[in-house]
Amino acid sequence: MKLYRPATILVGLLFILIGGVARLAGPDQVYGDDSNLKVVHGTIGEALPYAGSGSTIKVTRIKFARKILSGDGGSDDKPIDTNGIFVAVEWDAVRGVKDPDTFTPTLITDGDSVYEKVSDPNESDMSFPDAGFASTGAIVFEVNPTDLKGLTLRLKPSMLWNVYNSEVRVDLGVPTEDIAQQMVDHADDQYVVNDSVTRVAS
């Protein structure tokens, strides 16, 4: 019977350990595996901590509208129509000392729909200002009016460098289909999207 020398066994164990470390550091573990995300839940009006950066994000109000218009005052601007409905999410962001990760804002529903922000007007955005400052603004989504139950704003960080991170989910106050329909029925004819405003953080 052939006996293996201790050196051979050690080399074999070393390869097993290297393989395990490589598996833990693989892209499916570092770049967006949801098991690495702690979810921070909140509601409208609640300032929520963002990804351990010392920054906070708060949804101050939502508005439903049938058209949107850029607020830059250009004479050539025309309202943008939709076959669905627009949801404008007004926000307030306070920047901490640490540079917060970038994130992708989306709206999600109980029906597993995912809505991305409209690309026009360009002012529709959501981001953190420089350290020591705060910003207010609005981001607009085009949504299906028949799939709004459980409407939630989701801020998921890009997580390019962090193995562990957190995302923010804000309940936008649409618990039932009946309430969703009421909000659609009472939607404003038009919503004006203005540039975000930056101020010194208090």
C-alpha atoms as a PDB file:
ATOM      1  CA  MET A   1       0.000   0.000   0.000  1.00  0.00           C
ATOM      2  CA  LYS A   2       1.303   3.416  -1.005  1.00  0.00           C
ATOM      3  CA  LEU A   3       1.690   5.946   1.804  1.00  0.00           C
ATOM      4  CA  TYR A   4       1.409   9.700   1.207  1.00  0.00           C
ATOM      5  CA  ARG A   5       4.098  11.939   2.648  1.00  0.00           C
ATOM      6  CA  PRO A   6       3.087  14.814   4.963  1.00  0.00           C
ATOM      7  CA  ALA A   7       4.232  17.344   2.356  1.00  0.00           C
ATOM      8  CA  THR A   8       1.840  15.903  -0.225  1.00  0.00           C
ATOM      9  CA  ILE A   9      -1.053  16.081   2.220  1.00  0.00           C
ATOM     10  CA  LEU A  10      -0.212  19.678   3.112  1.00  0.00           C
ATOM     11  CA  VAL A  11      -0.149  20.710  -0.560  1.00  0.00           C
ATOM     12  CA  GLY A  12      -3.549  19.088  -1.070  1.00  0.00           C
ATOM     13  CA  LEU A  13      -5.024  20.916   1.910  1.00  0.00           C
ATOM     14  CA  LEU A  14      -3.559  24.185   0.668  1.00  0.00           C
ATOM     15  CA  PHE A  15      -5.336  23.830  -2.694  1.00  0.00           C
ATOM     16  CA  ILE A  16      -8.626  23.096  -0.930  1.00  0.00           C
ATOM     17  CA  LEU A  17      -8.260  26.240   1.216  1.00  0.00           C
ATOM     18  CA  ILE A  18      -7.373  28.405  -1.790  1.00  0.00           C
ATOM     19  CA  GLY A  19     -10.391  27.088  -3.648  1.00  0.00           C
ATOM     20  CA  GLY A  20     -12.662  27.933  -0.717  1.00  0.00           C
ATOM     21  CA  VAL A  21     -11.330  31.472  -0.421  1.00  0.00           C
ATOM     22  CA  ALA A  22     -11.722  32.010  -4.167  1.00  0.00           C
ATOM     23  CA  ARG A  23     -15.335  30.809  -3.946  1.00  0.00           C
ATOM     24  CA  LEU A  24     -16.119  33.250  -1.138  1.00  0.00           C
ATOM     25  CA  ALA A  25     -14.616  36.132  -3.093  1.00  0.00           C
ATOM     26  CA  GLY A  26     -16.322  35.189  -6.357  1.00  0.00           C
ATOM     27  CA  PRO A  27     -18.512  37.727  -8.190  1.00  0.00           C
ATOM     28  CA  ASP A  28     -21.763  36.098  -7.076  1.00  0.00           C
ATOM     29  CA  GLN A  29     -20.775  36.827  -3.460  1.00  0.00           C
ATOM     30  CA  VAL A  30     -19.319  40.321  -3.882  1.00  0.00           C
ATOM     31  CA  TYR A  31     -21.376  41.900  -6.633  1.00  0.00           C
ATOM     32  CA  GLY A  32     -24.938  41.904  -5.494  1.00  0.00           C
ATOM     33  CA  ASP A  33     -25.870  38.619  -3.806  1.00  0.00           C
ATOM     34  CA  ASP A  34     -28.979  39.693  -1.870  1.00  0.00           C
ATOM     35  CA  SER A  35     -27.918  37.554   1.092  1.00  0.00           C
ATOM     36  CA  ASN A  36     -25.247  40.201   1.709  1.00  0.00           C
ATOM     37  CA  LEU A  37     -27.847  42.977   2.036  1.00  0.00           C
ATOM     38  CA  LYS A  38     -29.444  44.175   5.240  1.00  0.00           C
ATOM     39  CA  VAL A  39     -32.770  45.814   4.369  1.00  0.00           C
ATOM     40  CA  VAL A  40     -33.689  49.047   6.206  1.00  0.00           C
ATOM     41  CA  HIS A  41     -37.474  49.581   6.120  1.00  0.00           C
ATOM     42  CA  GLY A  42     -39.248  52.895   6.597  1.00  0.00           C
ATOM     43  CA  THR A  43     -42.246  55.031   5.679  1.00  0.00           C
ATOM     44  CA  ILE A  44     -42.906  58.473   4.212  1.00  0.00           C
ATOM     45  CA  GLY A  45     -41.510  61.219   6.448  1.00  0.00           C
ATOM     46  CA  GLU A  46     -38.948  58.984   8.151  1.00  0.00           C
ATOM     47  CA  ALA A  47     -35.208  59.770   7.770  1.00  0.00           C
ATOM     48  CA  LEU A  48     -33.472  56.443   7.148  1.00  0.00           C
ATOM     49  CA  PRO A  49     -29.740  55.693   7.510  1.00  0.00           C
ATOM     50  CA  TYR A  50     -28.067  54.819   4.235  1.00  0.00           C
ATOM     51  CA  ALA A  51     -25.542  51.961   4.058  1.00  0.00           C
ATOM     52  CA  GLY A  52     -23.548  52.911   7.151  1.00  0.00           C
ATOM     53  CA  SER A  53     -22.287  56.124   5.547  1.00  0.00           C
ATOM     54  CA  GLY A  54     -23.691  58.544   8.133  1.00  0.00           C
ATOM     55  CA  SER A  55     -26.028  59.846   5.414  1.00  0.00           C
ATOM     56  CA  THR A  56     -29.824  59.760   5.582  1.00  0.00           C
ATOM     57  CA  ILE A  57     -32.560  59.683   2.970  1.00  0.00           C
ATOM     58  CA  LYS A  58     -36.200  60.645   3.501  1.00  0.00           C
ATOM     59  CA  VAL A  59     -39.248  60.527   1.245  1.00  0.00           C
ATOM     60  CA  THR A  60     -41.250  63.646   2.030  1.00  0.00           C
ATOM     61  CA  ARG A  61     -44.245  63.155  -0.293  1.00  0.00           C
ATOM     62  CA  ILE A  62     -45.502  61.294  -3.355  1.00  0.00           C
ATOM     63  CA  LYS A  63     -47.726  62.709  -6.096  1.00  0.00           C
ATOM     64  CA  PHE A  64     -49.614  60.948  -8.882  1.00  0.00           C
ATOM     65  CA  ALA A  65     -49.889  62.787 -12.208  1.00  0.00           C
ATOM     66  CA  ARG A  66     -51.059  62.165 -15.769  1.00  0.00           C
ATOM     67  CA  LYS A  67     -48.369  64.385 -17.322  1.00  0.00           C
ATOM     68  CA  ILE A  68     -44.968  65.703 -16.290  1.00  0.00           C
ATOM     69  CA  LEU A  69     -43.215  68.903 -17.315  1.00  0.00           C
ATOM     70  CA  SER A  70     -39.664  70.102 -16.823  1.00  0.00           C
ATOM     71  CA  GLY A  71     -39.481  73.080 -14.480  1.00  0.00           C
ATOM     72  CA  ASP A  72     -36.660  74.917 -16.261  1.00  0.00           C
ATOM     73  CA  GLY A  73     -39.128  77.296 -17.884  1.00  0.00           C
ATOM     74  CA  GLY A  74     -38.085  76.705 -21.487  1.00  0.00           C
ATOM     75  CA  SER A  75     -40.673  77.852 -23.994  1.00  0.00           C
ATOM     76  CA  ASP A  76     -40.168  74.727 -26.107  1.00  0.00           C
ATOM     77  CA  ASP A  77     -40.936  72.341 -23.245  1.00  0.00           C
ATOM     78  CA  LYS A  78     -44.051  70.268 -23.694  1.00  0.00           C
ATOM     79  CA  PRO A  79     -45.743  68.020 -21.140  1.00  0.00           C
ATOM     80  CA  ILE A  80     -44.831  64.340 -21.365  1.00  0.00           C
ATOM     81  CA  ASP A  81     -47.827  62.009 -21.554  1.00  0.00           C
ATOM     82  CA  THR A  82     -48.150  58.370 -20.528  1.00  0.00           C
ATOM     83  CA  ASN A  83     -50.561  55.517 -21.122  1.00  0.00           C
ATOM     84  CA  GLY A  84     -50.050  54.643 -17.458  1.00  0.00           C
ATOM     85  CA  ILE A  85     -49.545  57.067 -14.600  1.00  0.00           C
ATOM     86  CA  PHE A  86     -46.567  59.035 -13.292  1.00  0.00           C
ATOM     87  CA  VAL A  87     -45.492  58.775  -9.651  1.00  0.00           C
ATOM     88  CA  ALA A  88     -43.309  61.633  -8.400  1.00  0.00           C
ATOM     89  CA  VAL A  89     -41.338  60.794  -5.256  1.00  0.00           C
ATOM     90  CA  GLU A  90     -40.135  63.924  -3.435  1.00  0.00           C
ATOM     91  CA  TRP A  91     -37.060  63.337  -1.286  1.00  0.00           C
ATOM     92  CA  ASP A  92     -34.635  64.933   1.153  1.00  0.00           C
ATOM     93  CA  ALA A  93     -31.051  63.627   1.425  1.00  0.00           C
ATOM     94  CA  VAL A  94     -28.488  64.605   4.084  1.00  0.00           C
ATOM     95  CA  ARG A  95     -24.875  63.691   3.396  1.00  0.00           C
ATOM     96  CA  GLY A  96     -22.607  62.301   6.113  1.00  0.00           C
ATOM     97  CA  VAL A  97     -18.815  62.474   6.262  1.00  0.00           C
ATOM     98  CA  LYS A  98     -18.237  59.119   4.572  1.00  0.00           C
ATOM     99  CA  ASP A  99     -18.782  58.957   0.823  1.00  0.00           C
ATOM    100  CA  PRO A 100     -22.009  56.933   0.365  1.00  0.00           C
ATOM    101  CA  ASP A 101     -22.183  54.204  -2.258  1.00  0.00           C
ATOM    102  CA  THR A 102     -24.026  55.030  -5.455  1.00  0.00           C
ATOM    103  CA  PHE A 103     -27.454  53.441  -5.757  1.00  0.00           C
ATOM    104  CA  THR A 104     -30.162  52.681  -8.280  1.00  0.00           C
ATOM    105  CA  PRO A 105     -33.645  53.909  -7.270  1.00  0.00           C
ATOM    106  CA  THR A 106     -36.573  51.758  -8.390  1.00  0.00           C
ATOM    107  CA  LEU A 107     -40.204  51.248  -7.426  1.00  0.00           C
ATOM    108  CA  ILE A 108     -41.328  47.721  -6.615  1.00  0.00           C
ATOM    109  CA  THR A 109     -44.790  46.305  -5.906  1.00  0.00           C
ATOM    110  CA  ASP A 110     -46.400  43.246  -4.334  1.00  0.00           C
ATOM    111  CA  GLY A 111     -46.964  42.008  -7.889  1.00  0.00           C
ATOM    112  CA  ASP A 112     -43.178  41.846  -8.420  1.00  0.00           C
ATOM    113  CA  SER A 113     -43.176  44.745 -10.878  1.00  0.00           C
ATOM    114  CA  VAL A 114     -40.022  46.875 -11.010  1.00  0.00           C
ATOM    115  CA  TYR A 115     -40.291  50.444 -12.321  1.00  0.00           C
ATOM    116  CA  GLU A 116     -37.257  52.537 -13.266  1.00  0.00           C
ATOM    117  CA  LYS A 117     -37.107  56.324 -13.261  1.00  0.00           C
ATOM    118  CA  VAL A 118     -38.087  58.181 -16.409  1.00  0.00           C
ATOM    119  CA  SER A 119     -35.120  59.344 -18.464  1.00  0.00           C
ATOM    120  CA  ASP A 120     -36.773  62.641 -19.347  1.00  0.00           C
ATOM    121  CA  PRO A 121     -36.897  65.280 -17.931  1.00  0.00           C
ATOM    122  CA  ASN A 122     -33.242  65.162 -16.912  1.00  0.00           C
ATOM    123  CA  GLU A 123     -33.962  66.853 -13.603  1.00  0.00           C
ATOM    124  CA  SER A 124     -35.697  63.706 -12.334  1.00  0.00           C
ATOM    125  CA  ASP A 125     -32.987  62.202 -10.163  1.00  0.00           C
ATOM    126  CA  MET A 126     -32.002  61.200  -6.638  1.00  0.00           C
ATOM    127  CA  SER A 127     -28.513  61.519  -5.165  1.00  0.00           C
ATOM    128  CA  PHE A 128     -26.486  62.721  -2.196  1.00  0.00           C
ATOM    129  CA  PRO A 129     -24.783  66.152  -2.210  1.00  0.00           C
ATOM    130  CA  ASP A 130     -21.262  66.889  -0.955  1.00  0.00           C
ATOM    131  CA  ALA A 131     -20.342  66.272   2.692  1.00  0.00           C
ATOM    132  CA  GLY A 132     -21.968  68.748   5.073  1.00  0.00           C
ATOM    133  CA  PHE A 133     -24.816  69.551   2.687  1.00  0.00           C
ATOM    134  CA  ALA A 134     -28.390  68.396   2.155  1.00  0.00           C
ATOM    135  CA  SER A 135     -30.533  68.263  -0.987  1.00  0.00           C
ATOM    136  CA  THR A 136     -34.219  68.132  -1.828  1.00  0.00           C
ATOM    137  CA  GLY A 137     -35.682  67.097  -5.146  1.00  0.00           C
ATOM    138  CA  ALA A 138     -38.038  64.734  -6.949  1.00  0.00           C
ATOM    139  CA  ILE A 139     -37.673  61.568  -8.974  1.00  0.00           C
ATOM    140  CA  VAL A 140     -40.401  60.427 -11.357  1.00  0.00           C
ATOM    141  CA  PHE A 141     -41.448  56.920 -12.372  1.00  0.00           C
ATOM    142  CA  GLU A 142     -43.870  55.788 -15.071  1.00  0.00           C
ATOM    143  CA  VAL A 143     -46.001  52.967 -13.663  1.00  0.00           C
ATOM    144  CA  ASN A 144     -48.847  50.613 -14.475  1.00  0.00           C
ATOM    145  CA  PRO A 145     -51.944  51.963 -12.663  1.00  0.00           C
ATOM    146  CA  THR A 146     -53.297  48.428 -12.191  1.00  0.00           C
ATOM    147  CA  ASP A 147     -50.180  47.184 -10.367  1.00  0.00           C
ATOM    148  CA  LEU A 148     -49.484  49.554  -7.475  1.00  0.00           C
ATOM    149  CA  LYS A 149     -50.369  47.544  -4.375  1.00  0.00           C
ATOM    150  CA  GLY A 150     -47.455  47.601  -1.943  1.00  0.00           C
ATOM    151  CA  LEU A 151     -45.684  50.366  -3.863  1.00  0.00           C
ATOM    152  CA  THR A 152     -42.204  50.725  -2.351  1.00  0.00           C
ATOM    153  CA  LEU A 153     -39.171  52.848  -3.159  1.00  0.00           C
ATOM    154  CA  ARG A 154     -36.048  50.668  -3.242  1.00  0.00           C
ATOM    155  CA  LEU A 155     -32.551  52.155  -3.018  1.00  0.00           C
ATOM    156  CA  LYS A 156     -30.069  49.375  -3.736  1.00  0.00           C
ATOM    157  CA  PRO A 157     -26.342  50.261  -3.531  1.00  0.00           C
ATOM    158  CA  SER A 158     -24.036  49.288  -6.369  1.00  0.00           C
ATOM    159  CA  MET A 159     -21.797  47.417  -3.886  1.00  0.00           C
ATOM    160  CA  LEU A 160     -18.696  47.520  -6.087  1.00  0.00           C
ATOM    161  CA  TRP A 161     -16.349  47.158  -3.122  1.00  0.00           C
ATOM    162  CA  ASN A 162     -18.365  46.075  -0.116  1.00  0.00           C
ATOM    163  CA  VAL A 163     -19.082  42.431   0.677  1.00  0.00           C
ATOM    164  CA  TYR A 164     -21.771  43.455   3.183  1.00  0.00           C
ATOM    165  CA  ASN A 165     -24.077  46.415   2.725  1.00  0.00           C
ATOM    166  CA  SER A 166     -27.656  47.583   3.249  1.00  0.00           C
ATOM    167  CA  GLU A 167     -30.461  48.814   1.055  1.00  0.00           C
ATOM    168  CA  VAL A 168     -33.344  51.158   1.877  1.00  0.00           C
ATOM    169  CA  ARG A 169     -36.997  50.362   1.232  1.00  0.00           C
ATOM    170  CA  VAL A 170     -39.652  53.024   1.828  1.00  0.00           C
ATOM    171  CA  ASP A 171     -43.326  52.021   2.001  1.00  0.00           C
ATOM    172  CA  LEU A 172     -45.181  54.618  -0.092  1.00  0.00           C
ATOM    173  CA  GLY A 173     -48.576  54.034   1.511  1.00  0.00           C
ATOM    174  CA  VAL A 174     -50.470  51.942  -1.060  1.00  0.00           C
ATOM    175  CA  PRO A 175     -51.566  48.893   0.989  1.00  0.00           C
ATOM    176  CA  THR A 176     -54.542  47.822  -1.152  1.00  0.00           C
ATOM    177  CA  GLU A 177     -55.725  47.896  -4.754  1.00  0.00           C
ATOM    178  CA  ASP A 178     -58.699  50.087  -3.747  1.00  0.00           C
ATOM    179  CA  ILE A 179     -56.407  52.751  -2.277  1.00  0.00           C
ATOM    180  CA  ALA A 180     -54.204  52.538  -5.367  1.00  0.00           C
ATOM    181  CA  GLN A 181     -57.232  53.149  -7.591  1.00  0.00           C
ATOM    182  CA  GLN A 182     -58.300  56.141  -5.476  1.00  0.00           C
ATOM    183  CA  MET A 183     -54.844  57.676  -5.842  1.00  0.00           C
ATOM    184  CA  VAL A 184     -54.914  57.138  -9.606  1.00  0.00           C
ATOM    185  CA  ASP A 185     -58.445  58.596  -9.898  1.00  0.00           C
ATOM    186  CA  HIS A 186     -57.355  61.738  -8.005  1.00  0.00           C
ATOM    187  CA  ALA A 187     -54.049  62.147  -9.847  1.00  0.00           C
ATOM    188  CA  ASP A 188     -53.019  65.693 -10.770  1.00  0.00           C
ATOM    189  CA  ASP A 189     -53.295  66.614 -14.412  1.00  0.00           C
ATOM    190  CA  GLN A 190     -49.642  67.713 -14.458  1.00  0.00           C
ATOM    191  CA  TYR A 191     -46.560  67.568 -12.226  1.00  0.00           C
ATOM    192  CA  VAL A 192     -43.691  70.043 -12.671  1.00  0.00           C
ATOM    193  CA  VAL A 193     -40.258  68.508 -12.095  1.00  0.00           C
ATOM    194  CA  ASN A 194     -37.844  71.119 -10.743  1.00  0.00           C
ATOM    195  CA  ASP A 195     -34.087  70.939 -10.254  1.00  0.00           C
ATOM    196  CA  SER A 196     -32.914  69.649  -6.888  1.00  0.00           C
ATOM    197  CA  VAL A 197     -32.000  72.299  -4.304  1.00  0.00           C
ATOM    198  CA  THR A 198     -28.861  72.058  -2.144  1.00  0.00           C
ATOM    199  CA  ARG A 199     -28.454  73.672   1.274  1.00  0.00           C
ATOM    200  CA  VAL A 200     -26.110  73.505   4.247  1.00  0.00           C
ATOM    201  CA  ALA A 201     -27.061  70.544   6.438  1.00  0.00           C
ATOM    202  CA  SER A 202     -28.469  71.617   9.812  1.00  0.00           C
END
